[in-house]
């Protein structure tokens, strides 16, 4: 276990929109997600996934983005601030994208288990034209590189506040890289 970073900002929205409102604290509900957020639930809440199969387990209960992404986007000419891309938690000091599947993030009273990468969609271009190409790139072999954060499930609920430290606990055994969920 290592202390790797902290929570910069917290966000939620009761409606299925794009950006989320910034708040000082969140209540995470074990096995469901962020209390008061449109994506909270035991089964999948993302509209396109509900249309495909509403009985799927919700592996996208919490969306986390590292604040370092916003500086990269600023350098590329985009103005994006915490909550704008629809994340619930904005973090600093943790390379979220390099974590293996099953990593546990201990923050405040809560534990979030990382399930995979966010798969950014065309809605991002509706927010700012050309932004999708900044958060969904392609490597030399044509494989996608997803930079729009990670998704997780709430393994232990409780209160979470801006400024809380993040402790990273890697899974035991073999580590598997994150894929889209």
C-alpha atoms as a PDB file:
ATOM      1  CA  UNK A   1       0.000   0.000   0.000  1.00  0.00           C
ATOM      2  CA  UNK A   2       1.253   3.469  -0.803  1.00  0.00           C
ATOM      3  CA  UNK A   3      -0.055   6.996  -0.388  1.00  0.00           C
ATOM      4  CA  UNK A   4       0.020   8.278  -3.912  1.00  0.00           C
ATOM      5  CA  UNK A   5      -2.142  11.359  -4.165  1.00  0.00           C
ATOM      6  CA  UNK A   6      -5.266  13.146  -3.104  1.00  0.00           C
ATOM      7  CA  UNK A   7      -8.793  14.071  -4.172  1.00  0.00           C
ATOM      8  CA  UNK A   8      -8.802  17.466  -5.924  1.00  0.00           C
ATOM      9  CA  UNK A   9     -12.539  17.799  -6.586  1.00  0.00           C
ATOM     10  CA  UNK A  10     -15.810  15.852  -6.351  1.00  0.00           C
ATOM     11  CA  UNK A  11     -18.798  15.937  -8.706  1.00  0.00           C
ATOM     12  CA  UNK A  12     -22.290  14.534  -9.199  1.00  0.00           C
ATOM     13  CA  UNK A  13     -25.389  15.092 -11.251  1.00  0.00           C
ATOM     14  CA  UNK A  14     -28.877  13.659 -10.770  1.00  0.00           C
ATOM     15  CA  UNK A  15     -29.497  13.767 -14.537  1.00  0.00           C
ATOM     16  CA  UNK A  16     -27.863  12.062 -17.505  1.00  0.00           C
ATOM     17  CA  UNK A  17     -26.027  15.084 -18.851  1.00  0.00           C
ATOM     18  CA  UNK A  18     -22.393  15.625 -19.753  1.00  0.00           C
ATOM     19  CA  UNK A  19     -20.711  17.743 -17.069  1.00  0.00           C
ATOM     20  CA  UNK A  20     -21.295  17.343 -13.330  1.00  0.00           C
ATOM     21  CA  UNK A  21     -21.688  19.892 -10.537  1.00  0.00           C
ATOM     22  CA  UNK A  22     -18.736  20.274  -8.144  1.00  0.00           C
ATOM     23  CA  UNK A  23     -19.503  19.554  -4.470  1.00  0.00           C
ATOM     24  CA  UNK A  24     -17.403  19.511  -1.272  1.00  0.00           C
ATOM     25  CA  UNK A  25     -18.234  15.919  -0.339  1.00  0.00           C
ATOM     26  CA  UNK A  26     -19.909  12.793  -1.662  1.00  0.00           C
ATOM     27  CA  UNK A  27     -21.534   9.795  -0.067  1.00  0.00           C
ATOM     28  CA  UNK A  28     -20.564   6.570  -1.796  1.00  0.00           C
ATOM     29  CA  UNK A  29     -22.976   3.656  -1.522  1.00  0.00           C
ATOM     30  CA  UNK A  30     -21.401   0.203  -1.444  1.00  0.00           C
ATOM     31  CA  UNK A  31     -22.173  -1.746  -4.615  1.00  0.00           C
ATOM     32  CA  UNK A  32     -24.061   1.178  -6.162  1.00  0.00           C
ATOM     33  CA  UNK A  33     -21.984   4.326  -6.647  1.00  0.00           C
ATOM     34  CA  UNK A  34     -22.382   8.006  -5.826  1.00  0.00           C
ATOM     35  CA  UNK A  35     -25.522   8.876  -3.895  1.00  0.00           C
ATOM     36  CA  UNK A  36     -27.590  11.362  -5.921  1.00  0.00           C
ATOM     37  CA  UNK A  37     -25.773  10.676  -9.201  1.00  0.00           C
ATOM     38  CA  UNK A  38     -27.593   9.470 -12.328  1.00  0.00           C
ATOM     39  CA  UNK A  39     -25.126   6.572 -12.720  1.00  0.00           C
ATOM     40  CA  UNK A  40     -25.762   5.160  -9.231  1.00  0.00           C
ATOM     41  CA  UNK A  41     -27.182   1.632  -9.258  1.00  0.00           C
ATOM     42  CA  UNK A  42     -26.407  -2.064  -8.955  1.00  0.00           C
ATOM     43  CA  UNK A  43     -27.103  -2.596 -12.650  1.00  0.00           C
ATOM     44  CA  UNK A  44     -25.708  -0.503 -15.494  1.00  0.00           C
ATOM     45  CA  UNK A  45     -27.074   3.072 -15.661  1.00  0.00           C
ATOM     46  CA  UNK A  46     -25.252   4.427 -18.724  1.00  0.00           C
ATOM     47  CA  UNK A  47     -28.036   4.962 -21.279  1.00  0.00           C
ATOM     48  CA  UNK A  48     -26.414   3.168 -24.241  1.00  0.00           C
ATOM     49  CA  UNK A  49     -25.576   0.182 -22.035  1.00  0.00           C
ATOM     50  CA  UNK A  50     -29.107   0.064 -20.597  1.00  0.00           C
ATOM     51  CA  UNK A  51     -30.446  -0.046 -24.164  1.00  0.00           C
ATOM     52  CA  UNK A  52     -28.177  -3.022 -24.955  1.00  0.00           C
ATOM     53  CA  UNK A  53     -28.834  -5.006 -21.739  1.00  0.00           C
ATOM     54  CA  UNK A  54     -30.310  -3.375 -18.619  1.00  0.00           C
ATOM     55  CA  UNK A  55     -29.420  -6.392 -16.435  1.00  0.00           C
ATOM     56  CA  UNK A  56     -25.617  -5.936 -16.801  1.00  0.00           C
ATOM     57  CA  UNK A  57     -23.766  -5.304 -13.547  1.00  0.00           C
ATOM     58  CA  UNK A  58     -22.739  -1.688 -13.105  1.00  0.00           C
ATOM     59  CA  UNK A  59     -18.945  -1.676 -13.473  1.00  0.00           C
ATOM     60  CA  UNK A  60     -19.114   2.103 -14.078  1.00  0.00           C
ATOM     61  CA  UNK A  61     -20.420   3.254 -10.687  1.00  0.00           C
ATOM     62  CA  UNK A  62     -17.698   5.881 -10.221  1.00  0.00           C
ATOM     63  CA  UNK A  63     -15.694   7.776 -12.867  1.00  0.00           C
ATOM     64  CA  UNK A  64     -12.253   9.118 -11.920  1.00  0.00           C
ATOM     65  CA  UNK A  65     -10.001  11.449 -13.936  1.00  0.00           C
ATOM     66  CA  UNK A  66      -6.507  12.577 -13.007  1.00  0.00           C
ATOM     67  CA  UNK A  67      -6.187  16.377 -12.870  1.00  0.00           C
ATOM     68  CA  UNK A  68      -2.939  16.129 -14.822  1.00  0.00           C
ATOM     69  CA  UNK A  69      -5.066  15.480 -17.948  1.00  0.00           C
ATOM     70  CA  UNK A  70      -6.497  19.007 -17.749  1.00  0.00           C
ATOM     71  CA  UNK A  71      -3.020  20.558 -17.995  1.00  0.00           C
ATOM     72  CA  UNK A  72      -2.265  18.398 -21.057  1.00  0.00           C
ATOM     73  CA  UNK A  73      -5.549  19.557 -22.617  1.00  0.00           C
ATOM     74  CA  UNK A  74      -4.771  23.209 -21.807  1.00  0.00           C
ATOM     75  CA  UNK A  75      -1.417  22.907 -23.572  1.00  0.00           C
ATOM     76  CA  UNK A  76      -3.304  21.491 -26.587  1.00  0.00           C
ATOM     77  CA  UNK A  77      -5.598  24.559 -26.607  1.00  0.00           C
ATOM     78  CA  UNK A  78      -8.644  23.287 -24.697  1.00  0.00           C
ATOM     79  CA  UNK A  79     -10.230  24.797 -21.577  1.00  0.00           C
ATOM     80  CA  UNK A  80     -11.412  21.898 -19.409  1.00  0.00           C
ATOM     81  CA  UNK A  81     -11.852  22.017 -15.648  1.00  0.00           C
ATOM     82  CA  UNK A  82     -12.739  19.375 -13.046  1.00  0.00           C
ATOM     83  CA  UNK A  83     -16.257  17.994 -13.539  1.00  0.00           C
ATOM     84  CA  UNK A  84     -16.490  19.139 -17.171  1.00  0.00           C
ATOM     85  CA  UNK A  85     -15.920  15.624 -18.573  1.00  0.00           C
ATOM     86  CA  UNK A  86     -18.527  14.042 -16.314  1.00  0.00           C
ATOM     87  CA  UNK A  87     -16.222  12.494 -13.744  1.00  0.00           C
ATOM     88  CA  UNK A  88     -17.209  11.993 -10.114  1.00  0.00           C
ATOM     89  CA  UNK A  89     -13.681  12.312  -8.719  1.00  0.00           C
ATOM     90  CA  UNK A  90     -10.799  14.427  -9.923  1.00  0.00           C
ATOM     91  CA  UNK A  91      -7.518  13.136  -8.494  1.00  0.00           C
ATOM     92  CA  UNK A  92      -3.918  14.330  -8.405  1.00  0.00           C
ATOM     93  CA  UNK A  93      -0.734  12.348  -7.943  1.00  0.00           C
ATOM     94  CA  UNK A  94      -2.037   8.937  -9.038  1.00  0.00           C
ATOM     95  CA  UNK A  95      -1.405   7.648 -12.561  1.00  0.00           C
ATOM     96  CA  UNK A  96      -4.896   6.163 -12.816  1.00  0.00           C
ATOM     97  CA  UNK A  97      -4.445   4.956 -16.392  1.00  0.00           C
ATOM     98  CA  UNK A  98      -1.505   2.711 -15.488  1.00  0.00           C
ATOM     99  CA  UNK A  99      -3.242   0.895 -12.626  1.00  0.00           C
ATOM    100  CA  UNK A 100      -4.109  -2.782 -13.120  1.00  0.00           C
ATOM    101  CA  UNK A 101      -7.652  -4.144 -12.965  1.00  0.00           C
ATOM    102  CA  UNK A 102      -8.740  -4.696  -9.366  1.00  0.00           C
ATOM    103  CA  UNK A 103      -6.606  -1.948  -7.821  1.00  0.00           C
ATOM    104  CA  UNK A 104      -8.237  -0.617  -4.675  1.00  0.00           C
ATOM    105  CA  UNK A 105      -8.214   3.119  -3.971  1.00  0.00           C
ATOM    106  CA  UNK A 106      -8.683   3.928  -0.283  1.00  0.00           C
ATOM    107  CA  UNK A 107      -9.996   7.467   0.238  1.00  0.00           C
ATOM    108  CA  UNK A 108     -11.603   8.788   3.400  1.00  0.00           C
ATOM    109  CA  UNK A 109     -13.986   6.083   4.633  1.00  0.00           C
ATOM    110  CA  UNK A 110     -14.360   4.623   1.140  1.00  0.00           C
ATOM    111  CA  UNK A 111     -12.794   2.016  -1.128  1.00  0.00           C
ATOM    112  CA  UNK A 112     -13.187   2.129  -4.901  1.00  0.00           C
ATOM    113  CA  UNK A 113     -12.077  -0.892  -6.933  1.00  0.00           C
ATOM    114  CA  UNK A 114     -10.884   0.016 -10.429  1.00  0.00           C
ATOM    115  CA  UNK A 115     -12.714  -1.955 -13.152  1.00  0.00           C
ATOM    116  CA  UNK A 116     -11.466  -0.423 -16.413  1.00  0.00           C
ATOM    117  CA  UNK A 117     -11.024   2.545 -18.687  1.00  0.00           C
ATOM    118  CA  UNK A 118     -13.689   5.040 -19.660  1.00  0.00           C
ATOM    119  CA  UNK A 119     -14.452   4.764 -23.357  1.00  0.00           C
ATOM    120  CA  UNK A 120     -14.925   8.374 -24.475  1.00  0.00           C
ATOM    121  CA  UNK A 121     -17.666   9.020 -27.018  1.00  0.00           C
ATOM    122  CA  UNK A 122     -18.733  11.698 -29.518  1.00  0.00           C
ATOM    123  CA  UNK A 123     -20.467  13.714 -26.774  1.00  0.00           C
ATOM    124  CA  UNK A 124     -17.015  15.067 -25.903  1.00  0.00           C
ATOM    125  CA  UNK A 125     -16.872  16.849 -29.270  1.00  0.00           C
ATOM    126  CA  UNK A 126     -20.237  18.420 -28.447  1.00  0.00           C
ATOM    127  CA  UNK A 127     -18.625  19.858 -25.322  1.00  0.00           C
ATOM    128  CA  UNK A 128     -15.587  21.173 -27.238  1.00  0.00           C
ATOM    129  CA  UNK A 129     -14.978  20.496 -30.912  1.00  0.00           C
ATOM    130  CA  UNK A 130     -11.904  18.309 -31.476  1.00  0.00           C
ATOM    131  CA  UNK A 131     -11.607  17.242 -27.835  1.00  0.00           C
ATOM    132  CA  UNK A 132     -12.317  13.556 -28.562  1.00  0.00           C
ATOM    133  CA  UNK A 133      -9.027  13.259 -30.507  1.00  0.00           C
ATOM    134  CA  UNK A 134      -7.191  14.496 -27.404  1.00  0.00           C
ATOM    135  CA  UNK A 135      -8.670  11.865 -25.060  1.00  0.00           C
ATOM    136  CA  UNK A 136      -8.942   8.957 -27.527  1.00  0.00           C
ATOM    137  CA  UNK A 137      -5.737   8.528 -29.482  1.00  0.00           C
ATOM    138  CA  UNK A 138      -4.398   5.684 -31.615  1.00  0.00           C
ATOM    139  CA  UNK A 139      -0.972   4.074 -31.246  1.00  0.00           C
ATOM    140  CA  UNK A 140       1.337   3.047 -34.126  1.00  0.00           C
ATOM    141  CA  UNK A 141      -0.433  -0.315 -34.400  1.00  0.00           C
ATOM    142  CA  UNK A 142      -3.891   1.236 -34.637  1.00  0.00           C
ATOM    143  CA  UNK A 143      -4.894   0.351 -31.055  1.00  0.00           C
ATOM    144  CA  UNK A 144      -6.907   2.940 -29.108  1.00  0.00           C
ATOM    145  CA  UNK A 145      -5.309   4.820 -26.223  1.00  0.00           C
ATOM    146  CA  UNK A 146      -8.040   5.965 -23.856  1.00  0.00           C
ATOM    147  CA  UNK A 147      -7.112   8.960 -21.680  1.00  0.00           C
ATOM    148  CA  UNK A 148     -10.520  10.016 -20.295  1.00  0.00           C
ATOM    149  CA  UNK A 149     -10.115   8.345 -16.909  1.00  0.00           C
ATOM    150  CA  UNK A 150     -11.011   5.100 -15.215  1.00  0.00           C
ATOM    151  CA  UNK A 151     -14.176   3.535 -13.912  1.00  0.00           C
ATOM    152  CA  UNK A 152     -14.712   1.712 -10.655  1.00  0.00           C
ATOM    153  CA  UNK A 153     -17.145   0.160  -8.244  1.00  0.00           C
ATOM    154  CA  UNK A 154     -17.722   1.108  -4.613  1.00  0.00           C
ATOM    155  CA  UNK A 155     -16.346  -1.723  -2.489  1.00  0.00           C
ATOM    156  CA  UNK A 156     -16.812   0.165   0.793  1.00  0.00           C
ATOM    157  CA  UNK A 157     -19.212   3.046   1.098  1.00  0.00           C
ATOM    158  CA  UNK A 158     -18.952   6.154   3.210  1.00  0.00           C
ATOM    159  CA  UNK A 159     -18.144   9.845   3.085  1.00  0.00           C
ATOM    160  CA  UNK A 160     -15.538  11.250   0.730  1.00  0.00           C
ATOM    161  CA  UNK A 161     -14.271  14.833   0.861  1.00  0.00           C
ATOM    162  CA  UNK A 162     -12.136  17.106  -1.267  1.00  0.00           C
ATOM    163  CA  UNK A 163      -8.540  16.847  -0.042  1.00  0.00           C
ATOM    164  CA  UNK A 164      -8.791  13.237   1.154  1.00  0.00           C
ATOM    165  CA  UNK A 165      -5.602  11.234   0.642  1.00  0.00           C
ATOM    166  CA  UNK A 166      -5.599   8.359  -1.842  1.00  0.00           C
ATOM    167  CA  UNK A 167      -3.886   5.123  -0.863  1.00  0.00           C
ATOM    168  CA  UNK A 168      -3.276   2.678  -3.709  1.00  0.00           C
ATOM    169  CA  UNK A 169      -3.473  -1.055  -3.016  1.00  0.00           C
ATOM    170  CA  UNK A 170      -2.479  -3.217  -5.980  1.00  0.00           C
ATOM    171  CA  UNK A 171      -4.204  -6.582  -6.416  1.00  0.00           C
ATOM    172  CA  UNK A 172      -2.391  -9.741  -5.327  1.00  0.00           C
ATOM    173  CA  UNK A 173      -1.061 -12.066  -7.984  1.00  0.00           C
ATOM    174  CA  UNK A 174      -0.785 -11.365 -11.688  1.00  0.00           C
ATOM    175  CA  UNK A 175      -1.718  -7.852 -12.816  1.00  0.00           C
ATOM    176  CA  UNK A 176      -3.885  -7.254 -15.861  1.00  0.00           C
ATOM    177  CA  UNK A 177      -3.965  -3.936 -17.777  1.00  0.00           C
ATOM    178  CA  UNK A 178      -7.152  -1.902 -17.864  1.00  0.00           C
ATOM    179  CA  UNK A 179      -9.441  -2.261 -20.861  1.00  0.00           C
ATOM    180  CA  UNK A 180     -12.604  -0.319 -21.660  1.00  0.00           C
ATOM    181  CA  UNK A 181     -15.714  -0.996 -19.590  1.00  0.00           C
END
